Amino acid sequence: MSAQQQRPGPIPGLCYISLLVPFYSDRSGRGNDRCDRLENVLTSFIRNPKDFWTGIIYVAFGMAAIIIVHDYGMGTALKMGPAYFPTVLSGLLIVIGIISLIRSFIKPGSPVGRYAYKGLLLVTASTVLFGWIVRGAGLVIALPLLVIVSSYASKQFSWKYSLAMAAGLTVFCLLIFLKGLGVPLPILGSWFGR
């Protein structure tokens, strides 16, 4: 096998799945043996860890959403109840997750990288900042800040492209949401005397 065709190494997080699969544990009941044995078995089958974990996350979110809306009225396609649309979207999410899981056993891929704490923090902060200032500053200020701060999370950050994206997205949102759909958001907020 060449370097590109080698099986990926240990997959982080498989130990947690072993808690759900008791038949892989040995008789001694030691947790590490169970983790190691399950990890060895699954690592030999999983060829694309990124697709595997993407599928797990999609299926988990889809199942959680279906459980949450379980008590709501479903309705019909012509007269939809409050659970209809979330259930359909959750079903689609589960199907995409299952496809991703199947693909993880067929198509080779790269291992899961390190957690991107900087990106997670900046995207979350930019979303919170947008929600916090959109009424006071207006869409023309809040939306470019959202785009620029979240763009800074990327390793390929460039001021030129971030400013162009911020300007384009702001014009697009002004035309579609404010003018076209009539969403009641101020173009310039109360902080600027409007």
N, C-alpha and C. Protein backbone atom coordinates (compact mmCIF):
# COMPACT_ATOMS: atom_id res chain seq x y z
N MET A 1 0.84 -1.19 0.00
CA MET A 1 0.00 0.00 0.00
C MET A 1 0.87 1.24 0.00
N SER A 2 0.47 2.22 -0.76
CA SER A 2 1.20 3.48 -0.75
C SER A 2 0.77 4.29 0.47
N ALA A 3 1.46 5.41 0.69
CA ALA A 3 1.17 6.26 1.86
C ALA A 3 -0.25 6.81 1.80
N GLN A 4 -0.75 7.07 0.59
CA GLN A 4 -2.10 7.64 0.46
C GLN A 4 -3.18 6.59 0.64
N GLN A 5 -2.86 5.30 0.44
CA GLN A 5 -3.87 4.27 0.54
C GLN A 5 -3.90 3.59 1.90
N GLN A 6 -3.03 3.99 2.82
CA GLN A 6 -3.00 3.36 4.13
C GLN A 6 -4.26 3.70 4.90
N ARG A 7 -4.64 2.79 5.74
CA ARG A 7 -5.80 3.00 6.59
C ARG A 7 -5.49 4.11 7.59
N PRO A 8 -6.50 4.93 7.94
CA PRO A 8 -6.25 5.97 8.93
C PRO A 8 -5.96 5.35 10.29
N GLY A 9 -5.29 6.12 11.14
CA GLY A 9 -4.95 5.68 12.48
C GLY A 9 -6.16 5.71 13.38
N PRO A 10 -5.93 5.76 14.67
CA PRO A 10 -7.04 5.78 15.63
C PRO A 10 -7.98 6.96 15.36
N ILE A 11 -9.25 6.73 15.53
CA ILE A 11 -10.25 7.76 15.28
C ILE A 11 -10.71 8.29 16.63
N PRO A 12 -10.49 9.60 16.89
CA PRO A 12 -10.89 10.14 18.19
C PRO A 12 -12.39 10.01 18.40
N GLY A 13 -12.78 9.65 19.60
CA GLY A 13 -14.20 9.59 19.93
C GLY A 13 -14.82 8.22 19.82
N LEU A 14 -14.14 7.24 19.23
CA LEU A 14 -14.74 5.92 19.10
C LEU A 14 -14.95 5.26 20.46
N CYS A 15 -14.17 5.66 21.44
CA CYS A 15 -14.33 5.10 22.78
C CYS A 15 -15.73 5.37 23.32
N TYR A 16 -16.30 6.52 23.01
CA TYR A 16 -17.63 6.84 23.48
C TYR A 16 -18.67 5.92 22.87
N ILE A 17 -18.48 5.55 21.62
CA ILE A 17 -19.42 4.64 20.97
C ILE A 17 -19.33 3.26 21.62
N SER A 18 -18.16 2.88 22.10
CA SER A 18 -18.01 1.55 22.69
C SER A 18 -18.88 1.38 23.93
N LEU A 19 -19.25 2.46 24.57
CA LEU A 19 -20.14 2.36 25.72
C LEU A 19 -21.52 1.89 25.30
N LEU A 20 -21.87 2.12 24.02
CA LEU A 20 -23.16 1.72 23.51
C LEU A 20 -23.14 0.32 22.91
N VAL A 21 -21.97 -0.27 22.76
CA VAL A 21 -21.84 -1.57 22.10
C VAL A 21 -21.21 -2.54 23.09
N PRO A 22 -22.00 -3.18 23.96
CA PRO A 22 -21.44 -3.99 25.02
C PRO A 22 -20.80 -5.29 24.55
N PHE A 23 -21.17 -5.83 23.39
CA PHE A 23 -20.63 -7.12 22.99
C PHE A 23 -19.18 -7.05 22.54
N TYR A 24 -18.59 -5.86 22.46
CA TYR A 24 -17.18 -5.75 22.13
C TYR A 24 -16.29 -5.76 23.37
N SER A 25 -16.89 -5.75 24.55
CA SER A 25 -16.07 -5.71 25.76
C SER A 25 -15.64 -7.12 26.15
N ASP A 26 -14.55 -7.20 26.84
CA ASP A 26 -14.11 -8.50 27.32
C ASP A 26 -14.77 -8.79 28.68
N ARG A 27 -14.53 -9.97 29.24
CA ARG A 27 -15.17 -10.39 30.48
C ARG A 27 -14.65 -9.64 31.70
N SER A 28 -13.48 -9.01 31.60
CA SER A 28 -12.91 -8.34 32.77
C SER A 28 -13.64 -7.05 33.10
N GLY A 29 -14.35 -6.49 32.13
CA GLY A 29 -15.11 -5.27 32.36
C GLY A 29 -14.27 -4.02 32.35
N ARG A 30 -13.01 -4.12 31.95
CA ARG A 30 -12.17 -2.93 31.91
C ARG A 30 -12.56 -2.08 30.71
N GLY A 31 -12.82 -0.80 30.96
CA GLY A 31 -13.29 0.09 29.90
C GLY A 31 -12.29 0.30 28.79
N ASN A 32 -10.99 0.40 29.12
CA ASN A 32 -9.98 0.67 28.10
C ASN A 32 -9.88 -0.46 27.09
N ASP A 33 -10.01 -1.71 27.55
CA ASP A 33 -9.96 -2.83 26.62
C ASP A 33 -11.13 -2.76 25.65
N ARG A 34 -12.29 -2.41 26.17
CA ARG A 34 -13.46 -2.30 25.31
C ARG A 34 -13.25 -1.21 24.27
N CYS A 35 -12.73 -0.06 24.72
CA CYS A 35 -12.46 1.05 23.79
C CYS A 35 -11.45 0.62 22.73
N ASP A 36 -10.38 -0.02 23.17
CA ASP A 36 -9.33 -0.42 22.24
C ASP A 36 -9.84 -1.44 21.23
N ARG A 37 -10.60 -2.41 21.70
CA ARG A 37 -11.10 -3.44 20.79
C ARG A 37 -12.08 -2.86 19.78
N LEU A 38 -13.01 -2.02 20.24
CA LEU A 38 -13.96 -1.42 19.31
C LEU A 38 -13.26 -0.50 18.33
N GLU A 39 -12.30 0.26 18.84
CA GLU A 39 -11.56 1.16 17.96
C GLU A 39 -10.82 0.38 16.88
N ASN A 40 -10.22 -0.72 17.24
CA ASN A 40 -9.52 -1.54 16.25
C ASN A 40 -10.47 -2.11 15.22
N VAL A 41 -11.64 -2.58 15.67
CA VAL A 41 -12.61 -3.15 14.74
C VAL A 41 -13.13 -2.07 13.80
N LEU A 42 -13.59 -0.93 14.34
CA LEU A 42 -14.17 0.11 13.50
C LEU A 42 -13.14 0.80 12.63
N THR A 43 -11.92 0.99 13.14
CA THR A 43 -10.88 1.63 12.35
C THR A 43 -10.54 0.79 11.12
N SER A 44 -10.66 -0.51 11.24
CA SER A 44 -10.36 -1.36 10.09
C SER A 44 -11.42 -1.22 9.00
N PHE A 45 -12.63 -0.80 9.36
CA PHE A 45 -13.70 -0.64 8.38
C PHE A 45 -13.88 0.79 7.90
N ILE A 46 -13.67 1.76 8.79
CA ILE A 46 -13.90 3.17 8.45
C ILE A 46 -12.73 3.67 7.62
N ARG A 47 -13.04 4.11 6.40
CA ARG A 47 -11.99 4.60 5.51
C ARG A 47 -11.95 6.12 5.47
N ASN A 48 -13.03 6.79 5.91
CA ASN A 48 -13.09 8.25 5.87
C ASN A 48 -13.68 8.76 7.20
N PRO A 49 -12.82 9.04 8.19
CA PRO A 49 -13.33 9.47 9.50
C PRO A 49 -14.15 10.75 9.46
N LYS A 50 -13.84 11.68 8.56
CA LYS A 50 -14.62 12.93 8.49
C LYS A 50 -16.06 12.63 8.09
N ASP A 51 -16.26 11.79 7.07
CA ASP A 51 -17.61 11.43 6.66
C ASP A 51 -18.32 10.64 7.76
N PHE A 52 -17.58 9.79 8.46
CA PHE A 52 -18.16 9.00 9.54
C PHE A 52 -18.75 9.91 10.61
N TRP A 53 -17.95 10.85 11.10
CA TRP A 53 -18.42 11.73 12.17
C TRP A 53 -19.47 12.72 11.67
N THR A 54 -19.37 13.14 10.42
CA THR A 54 -20.42 14.00 9.86
C THR A 54 -21.74 13.25 9.85
N GLY A 55 -21.71 11.99 9.42
CA GLY A 55 -22.93 11.18 9.40
C GLY A 55 -23.50 10.99 10.79
N ILE A 56 -22.64 10.72 11.76
CA ILE A 56 -23.10 10.54 13.15
C ILE A 56 -23.79 11.81 13.65
N ILE A 57 -23.18 12.96 13.39
CA ILE A 57 -23.75 14.23 13.85
C ILE A 57 -25.08 14.51 13.16
N TYR A 58 -25.16 14.30 11.84
CA TYR A 58 -26.41 14.54 11.11
C TYR A 58 -27.52 13.64 11.62
N VAL A 59 -27.23 12.37 11.79
CA VAL A 59 -28.25 11.44 12.28
C VAL A 59 -28.68 11.82 13.69
N ALA A 60 -27.72 12.19 14.55
CA ALA A 60 -28.06 12.57 15.93
C ALA A 60 -28.95 13.82 15.96
N PHE A 61 -28.60 14.84 15.18
CA PHE A 61 -29.42 16.05 15.17
C PHE A 61 -30.80 15.77 14.56
N GLY A 62 -30.85 14.98 13.52
CA GLY A 62 -32.13 14.63 12.91
C GLY A 62 -33.03 13.87 13.87
N MET A 63 -32.45 12.89 14.57
CA MET A 63 -33.23 12.11 15.54
C MET A 63 -33.69 12.98 16.70
N ALA A 64 -32.81 13.87 17.17
CA ALA A 64 -33.18 14.76 18.28
C ALA A 64 -34.34 15.67 17.87
N ALA A 65 -34.29 16.19 16.66
CA ALA A 65 -35.37 17.07 16.21
C ALA A 65 -36.69 16.31 16.08
N ILE A 66 -36.63 15.09 15.60
CA ILE A 66 -37.86 14.29 15.51
C ILE A 66 -38.42 14.00 16.89
N ILE A 67 -37.55 13.72 17.84
CA ILE A 67 -38.01 13.47 19.22
C ILE A 67 -38.62 14.73 19.81
N ILE A 68 -38.03 15.89 19.53
CA ILE A 68 -38.54 17.16 20.08
C ILE A 68 -39.93 17.48 19.54
N VAL A 69 -40.16 17.27 18.25
CA VAL A 69 -41.46 17.63 17.65
C VAL A 69 -42.46 16.48 17.68
N HIS A 70 -42.13 15.41 18.37
CA HIS A 70 -42.98 14.22 18.39
C HIS A 70 -44.39 14.50 18.89
N ASP A 71 -44.54 15.38 19.86
CA ASP A 71 -45.86 15.64 20.45
C ASP A 71 -46.68 16.68 19.69
N TYR A 72 -46.11 17.31 18.70
CA TYR A 72 -46.84 18.31 17.93
C TYR A 72 -47.71 17.63 16.87
N GLY A 73 -48.71 18.36 16.40
CA GLY A 73 -49.58 17.82 15.36
C GLY A 73 -48.88 17.79 14.01
N MET A 74 -48.97 16.66 13.31
CA MET A 74 -48.28 16.50 12.03
C MET A 74 -49.04 17.17 10.89
N GLY A 75 -50.33 16.96 10.80
CA GLY A 75 -51.10 17.51 9.69
C GLY A 75 -50.86 16.72 8.42
N THR A 76 -51.20 17.33 7.28
CA THR A 76 -51.01 16.70 5.97
C THR A 76 -50.18 17.63 5.10
N ALA A 77 -49.87 17.17 3.90
CA ALA A 77 -49.09 18.00 2.99
C ALA A 77 -49.86 19.26 2.58
N LEU A 78 -51.19 19.17 2.52
CA LEU A 78 -51.99 20.34 2.15
C LEU A 78 -52.31 21.23 3.34
N LYS A 79 -52.41 20.64 4.50
CA LYS A 79 -52.68 21.41 5.72
C LYS A 79 -51.66 21.00 6.78
N MET A 80 -50.49 21.63 6.70
CA MET A 80 -49.36 21.24 7.54
C MET A 80 -49.55 21.68 8.98
N GLY A 81 -49.23 20.76 9.88
CA GLY A 81 -49.22 21.07 11.30
C GLY A 81 -47.85 21.57 11.71
N PRO A 82 -47.68 21.93 12.97
CA PRO A 82 -46.39 22.47 13.43
C PRO A 82 -45.24 21.47 13.38
N ALA A 83 -45.53 20.18 13.31
CA ALA A 83 -44.46 19.18 13.26
C ALA A 83 -44.09 18.77 11.84
N TYR A 84 -44.89 19.15 10.86
CA TYR A 84 -44.69 18.64 9.51
C TYR A 84 -43.33 19.04 8.92
N PHE A 85 -43.08 20.33 8.86
CA PHE A 85 -41.84 20.81 8.23
C PHE A 85 -40.59 20.38 9.00
N PRO A 86 -40.55 20.51 10.34
CA PRO A 86 -39.37 20.01 11.06
C PRO A 86 -39.15 18.51 10.89
N THR A 87 -40.22 17.74 10.81
CA THR A 87 -40.09 16.29 10.64
C THR A 87 -39.53 15.96 9.27
N VAL A 88 -40.01 16.65 8.23
CA VAL A 88 -39.50 16.41 6.88
C VAL A 88 -38.02 16.79 6.79
N LEU A 89 -37.67 17.95 7.33
CA LEU A 89 -36.26 18.36 7.32
C LEU A 89 -35.39 17.41 8.13
N SER A 90 -35.89 16.96 9.28
CA SER A 90 -35.13 16.01 10.09
C SER A 90 -34.95 14.69 9.36
N GLY A 91 -35.98 14.25 8.66
CA GLY A 91 -35.86 13.03 7.87
C GLY A 91 -34.82 13.16 6.79
N LEU A 92 -34.81 14.31 6.11
CA LEU A 92 -33.78 14.54 5.09
C LEU A 92 -32.39 14.57 5.70
N LEU A 93 -32.26 15.19 6.87
CA LEU A 93 -30.97 15.24 7.56
C LEU A 93 -30.49 13.84 7.94
N ILE A 94 -31.41 12.99 8.38
CA ILE A 94 -31.06 11.62 8.72
C ILE A 94 -30.62 10.85 7.47
N VAL A 95 -31.34 11.04 6.35
CA VAL A 95 -30.97 10.37 5.10
C VAL A 95 -29.57 10.81 4.65
N ILE A 96 -29.30 12.11 4.71
CA ILE A 96 -27.97 12.61 4.33
C ILE A 96 -26.91 12.02 5.27
N GLY A 97 -27.23 11.93 6.57
CA GLY A 97 -26.31 11.34 7.54
C GLY A 97 -26.03 9.88 7.25
N ILE A 98 -27.05 9.13 6.88
CA ILE A 98 -26.86 7.71 6.56
C ILE A 98 -26.02 7.56 5.29
N ILE A 99 -26.26 8.42 4.32
CA ILE A 99 -25.44 8.39 3.10
C ILE A 99 -23.98 8.69 3.44
N SER A 100 -23.76 9.67 4.31
CA SER A 100 -22.40 10.00 4.72
C SER A 100 -21.75 8.85 5.47
N LEU A 101 -22.52 8.18 6.33
CA LEU A 101 -21.99 7.03 7.05
C LEU A 101 -21.60 5.90 6.10
N ILE A 102 -22.47 5.61 5.15
CA ILE A 102 -22.16 4.55 4.17
C ILE A 102 -20.93 4.94 3.36
N ARG A 103 -20.87 6.19 2.97
CA ARG A 103 -19.72 6.66 2.19
C ARG A 103 -18.42 6.55 2.98
N SER A 104 -18.49 6.71 4.31
CA SER A 104 -17.28 6.63 5.13
C SER A 104 -16.65 5.24 5.12
N PHE A 105 -17.44 4.23 4.81
CA PHE A 105 -16.92 2.87 4.74
C PHE A 105 -16.44 2.51 3.33
N ILE A 106 -16.75 3.34 2.34
CA ILE A 106 -16.43 3.02 0.94
C ILE A 106 -15.30 3.87 0.39
N LYS A 107 -15.42 5.17 0.54
CA LYS A 107 -14.46 6.11 -0.07
C LYS A 107 -13.39 6.51 0.93
N PRO A 108 -12.10 6.37 0.58
CA PRO A 108 -11.04 6.79 1.50
C PRO A 108 -11.01 8.31 1.68
N GLY A 109 -10.59 8.73 2.85
CA GLY A 109 -10.50 10.17 3.14
C GLY A 109 -9.48 10.45 4.20
N SER A 110 -9.38 11.70 4.54
CA SER A 110 -8.38 12.13 5.52
C SER A 110 -8.93 12.02 6.94
N PRO A 111 -8.05 11.93 7.92
CA PRO A 111 -8.51 11.86 9.31
C PRO A 111 -9.08 13.19 9.78
N VAL A 112 -9.76 13.14 10.90
CA VAL A 112 -10.33 14.35 11.49
C VAL A 112 -9.19 15.20 12.03
N GLY A 113 -9.22 16.47 11.70
CA GLY A 113 -8.17 17.39 12.15
C GLY A 113 -8.41 17.86 13.57
N ARG A 114 -7.59 18.79 13.99
CA ARG A 114 -7.72 19.37 15.33
C ARG A 114 -8.95 20.26 15.40
N TYR A 115 -9.43 20.47 16.59
CA TYR A 115 -10.57 21.37 16.78
C TYR A 115 -10.15 22.80 16.46
N ALA A 116 -10.99 23.52 15.77
CA ALA A 116 -10.71 24.90 15.39
C ALA A 116 -11.37 25.83 16.41
N TYR A 117 -10.73 25.99 17.54
CA TYR A 117 -11.29 26.82 18.60
C TYR A 117 -11.40 28.28 18.17
N LYS A 118 -10.40 28.76 17.43
CA LYS A 118 -10.43 30.15 16.97
C LYS A 118 -11.65 30.38 16.08
N GLY A 119 -11.87 29.49 15.14
CA GLY A 119 -13.01 29.62 14.24
C GLY A 119 -14.33 29.53 14.97
N LEU A 120 -14.45 28.57 15.88
CA LEU A 120 -15.67 28.42 16.66
C LEU A 120 -15.97 29.67 17.47
N LEU A 121 -14.95 30.21 18.10
CA LEU A 121 -15.12 31.41 18.92
C LEU A 121 -15.49 32.62 18.07
N LEU A 122 -14.80 32.81 16.95
CA LEU A 122 -15.07 33.99 16.11
C LEU A 122 -16.43 33.93 15.43
N VAL A 123 -16.83 32.78 14.94
CA VAL A 123 -18.14 32.67 14.29
C VAL A 123 -19.25 32.86 15.32
N THR A 124 -19.10 32.27 16.49
CA THR A 124 -20.10 32.45 17.55
C THR A 124 -20.15 33.91 18.00
N ALA A 125 -18.98 34.51 18.19
CA ALA A 125 -18.93 35.92 18.63
C ALA A 125 -19.54 36.85 17.58
N SER A 126 -19.27 36.59 16.30
CA SER A 126 -19.82 37.46 15.26
C SER A 126 -21.34 37.34 15.19
N THR A 127 -21.88 36.14 15.42
CA THR A 127 -23.33 35.96 15.41
C THR A 127 -23.97 36.67 16.60
N VAL A 128 -23.37 36.54 17.77
CA VAL A 128 -23.88 37.22 18.96
C VAL A 128 -23.78 38.73 18.79
N LEU A 129 -22.67 39.21 18.24
CA LEU A 129 -22.48 40.63 18.00
C LEU A 129 -23.54 41.16 17.04
N PHE A 130 -23.82 40.41 15.98
CA PHE A 130 -24.85 40.82 15.02
C PHE A 130 -26.20 40.97 15.71
N GLY A 131 -26.59 39.96 16.47
CA GLY A 131 -27.88 40.02 17.16
C GLY A 131 -27.94 41.14 18.18
N TRP A 132 -26.82 41.46 18.77
CA TRP A 132 -26.78 42.49 19.79
C TRP A 132 -26.87 43.89 19.21
N ILE A 133 -26.27 44.13 18.05
CA ILE A 133 -26.21 45.50 17.53
C ILE A 133 -27.11 45.78 16.33
N VAL A 134 -27.80 44.80 15.78
CA VAL A 134 -28.56 45.03 14.55
C VAL A 134 -29.67 46.07 14.74
N ARG A 135 -30.34 46.06 15.87
CA ARG A 135 -31.40 47.05 16.09
C ARG A 135 -30.83 48.45 16.32
N GLY A 136 -29.75 48.55 17.08
CA GLY A 136 -29.19 49.86 17.39
C GLY A 136 -28.35 50.44 16.27
N ALA A 137 -27.54 49.62 15.61
CA ALA A 137 -26.65 50.13 14.56
C ALA A 137 -27.27 50.02 13.18
N GLY A 138 -28.15 49.07 12.99
CA GLY A 138 -28.77 48.88 11.69
C GLY A 138 -28.06 47.79 10.89
N LEU A 139 -28.74 47.37 9.83
CA LEU A 139 -28.23 46.27 9.01
C LEU A 139 -26.96 46.64 8.26
N VAL A 140 -26.81 47.90 7.88
CA VAL A 140 -25.64 48.34 7.10
C VAL A 140 -24.35 48.26 7.93
N ILE A 141 -24.45 48.34 9.24
CA ILE A 141 -23.28 48.23 10.11
C ILE A 141 -23.12 46.79 10.62
N ALA A 142 -24.21 46.18 11.08
CA ALA A 142 -24.15 44.87 11.73
C ALA A 142 -23.77 43.75 10.76
N LEU A 143 -24.30 43.77 9.56
CA LEU A 143 -24.04 42.67 8.62
C LEU A 143 -22.59 42.65 8.14
N PRO A 144 -21.99 43.79 7.75
CA PRO A 144 -20.57 43.74 7.40
C PRO A 144 -19.69 43.29 8.56
N LEU A 145 -20.03 43.70 9.80
CA LEU A 145 -19.26 43.23 10.96
C LEU A 145 -19.37 41.72 11.11
N LEU A 146 -20.57 41.19 10.92
CA LEU A 146 -20.77 39.74 10.98
C LEU A 146 -19.88 39.03 9.97
N VAL A 147 -19.88 39.51 8.74
CA VAL A 147 -19.12 38.86 7.68
C VAL A 147 -17.61 38.97 7.94
N ILE A 148 -17.14 40.14 8.32
CA ILE A 148 -15.70 40.34 8.49
C ILE A 148 -15.17 39.56 9.70
N VAL A 149 -15.89 39.61 10.83
CA VAL A 149 -15.42 38.89 12.02
C VAL A 149 -15.45 37.38 11.77
N SER A 150 -16.50 36.87 11.14
CA SER A 150 -16.54 35.43 10.88
C SER A 150 -15.55 35.02 9.80
N SER A 151 -15.27 35.89 8.85
CA SER A 151 -14.27 35.59 7.82
C SER A 151 -12.88 35.49 8.42
N TYR A 152 -12.63 36.25 9.47
CA TYR A 152 -11.32 36.24 10.12
C TYR A 152 -11.00 34.86 10.73
N ALA A 153 -12.02 34.03 10.90
CA ALA A 153 -11.81 32.69 11.43
C ALA A 153 -11.09 31.78 10.43
N SER A 154 -11.12 32.13 9.17
CA SER A 154 -10.52 31.29 8.13
C SER A 154 -9.00 31.46 8.08
N LYS A 155 -8.32 30.38 7.73
CA LYS A 155 -6.87 30.44 7.55
C LYS A 155 -6.52 31.24 6.30
N GLN A 156 -7.43 31.31 5.35
CA GLN A 156 -7.20 32.05 4.10
C GLN A 156 -7.81 33.45 4.15
N PHE A 157 -7.89 34.04 5.33
CA PHE A 157 -8.50 35.36 5.48
C PHE A 157 -7.76 36.39 4.63
N SER A 158 -8.54 37.22 3.95
CA SER A 158 -8.01 38.31 3.15
C SER A 158 -8.96 39.50 3.29
N TRP A 159 -8.40 40.67 3.60
CA TRP A 159 -9.23 41.86 3.74
C TRP A 159 -9.97 42.17 2.45
N LYS A 160 -9.30 42.00 1.35
CA LYS A 160 -9.90 42.32 0.04
C LYS A 160 -11.17 41.50 -0.19
N TYR A 161 -11.08 40.19 -0.02
CA TYR A 161 -12.24 39.34 -0.26
C TYR A 161 -13.30 39.49 0.82
N SER A 162 -12.87 39.70 2.06
CA SER A 162 -13.83 39.87 3.14
C SER A 162 -14.65 41.15 2.98
N LEU A 163 -14.00 42.23 2.61
CA LEU A 163 -14.73 43.48 2.39
C LEU A 163 -15.65 43.38 1.19
N ALA A 164 -15.20 42.71 0.13
CA ALA A 164 -16.04 42.53 -1.06
C ALA A 164 -17.26 41.67 -0.72
N MET A 165 -17.04 40.60 0.05
CA MET A 165 -18.15 39.74 0.45
C MET A 165 -19.11 40.49 1.37
N ALA A 166 -18.57 41.29 2.29
CA ALA A 166 -19.42 42.06 3.20
C ALA A 166 -20.28 43.05 2.43
N ALA A 167 -19.69 43.75 1.47
CA ALA A 167 -20.45 44.72 0.67
C ALA A 167 -21.51 44.02 -0.16
N GLY A 168 -21.14 42.94 -0.83
CA GLY A 168 -22.09 42.22 -1.67
C GLY A 168 -23.23 41.62 -0.88
N LEU A 169 -22.92 41.02 0.25
CA LEU A 169 -23.96 40.41 1.07
C LEU A 169 -24.88 41.46 1.69
N THR A 170 -24.33 42.60 2.04
CA THR A 170 -25.16 43.67 2.60
C THR A 170 -26.13 44.20 1.56
N VAL A 171 -25.66 44.45 0.35
CA VAL A 171 -26.55 44.91 -0.72
C VAL A 171 -27.61 43.86 -1.02
N PHE A 172 -27.20 42.60 -1.11
CA PHE A 172 -28.14 41.51 -1.37
C PHE A 172 -29.22 41.44 -0.30
N CYS A 173 -28.83 41.49 0.99
CA CYS A 173 -29.81 41.42 2.08
C CYS A 173 -30.72 42.64 2.13
N LEU A 174 -30.18 43.81 1.82
CA LEU A 174 -31.02 45.01 1.77
C LEU A 174 -32.10 44.87 0.70
N LEU A 175 -31.70 44.37 -0.46
CA LEU A 175 -32.66 44.23 -1.56
C LEU A 175 -33.68 43.12 -1.29
N ILE A 176 -33.21 41.98 -0.85
CA ILE A 176 -34.10 40.83 -0.68
C ILE A 176 -34.95 40.96 0.58
N PHE A 177 -34.32 41.15 1.73
CA PHE A 177 -35.05 41.09 2.99
C PHE A 177 -35.79 42.39 3.34
N LEU A 178 -35.14 43.53 3.13
CA LEU A 178 -35.81 44.77 3.50
C LEU A 178 -36.77 45.26 2.43
N LYS A 179 -36.30 45.32 1.21
CA LYS A 179 -37.16 45.83 0.13
C LYS A 179 -38.12 44.76 -0.38
N GLY A 180 -37.60 43.56 -0.68
CA GLY A 180 -38.44 42.51 -1.27
C GLY A 180 -39.42 41.89 -0.30
N LEU A 181 -38.96 41.46 0.86
CA LEU A 181 -39.81 40.76 1.83
C LEU A 181 -40.37 41.66 2.91
N GLY A 182 -39.84 42.86 3.05
CA GLY A 182 -40.36 43.80 4.04
C GLY A 182 -40.04 43.44 5.48
N VAL A 183 -38.91 42.80 5.72
CA VAL A 183 -38.51 42.46 7.08
C VAL A 183 -38.24 43.77 7.84
N PRO A 184 -38.82 43.91 9.03
CA PRO A 184 -38.71 45.19 9.75
C PRO A 184 -37.38 45.35 10.49
N LEU A 185 -36.30 45.49 9.75
CA LEU A 185 -34.99 45.79 10.33
C LEU A 185 -34.56 47.16 9.83
N PRO A 186 -33.97 47.96 10.72
CA PRO A 186 -33.55 49.29 10.28
C PRO A 186 -32.28 49.22 9.41
N ILE A 187 -32.25 50.08 8.38
CA ILE A 187 -31.03 50.17 7.56
C ILE A 187 -29.95 50.81 8.40
N LEU A 188 -30.23 51.94 8.99
CA LEU A 188 -29.37 52.56 10.01
C LEU A 188 -30.20 52.66 11.28
N GLY A 189 -29.66 52.21 12.38
CA GLY A 189 -30.42 52.10 13.62
C GLY A 189 -30.52 53.36 14.43
N SER A 190 -31.06 53.21 15.62
CA SER A 190 -31.31 54.33 16.51
C SER A 190 -30.02 54.97 17.03
N TRP A 191 -28.93 54.26 16.99
CA TRP A 191 -27.66 54.84 17.44
C TRP A 191 -27.20 55.96 16.52
N PHE A 192 -27.74 56.02 15.34
CA PHE A 192 -27.36 57.05 14.36
C PHE A 192 -28.49 58.05 14.14
N GLY A 193 -29.40 58.13 15.10
CA GLY A 193 -30.47 59.14 15.07
C GLY A 193 -31.61 58.81 14.13
N ARG A 194 -31.81 57.57 13.77
CA ARG A 194 -32.90 57.21 12.87
C ARG A 194 -34.00 56.51 13.64
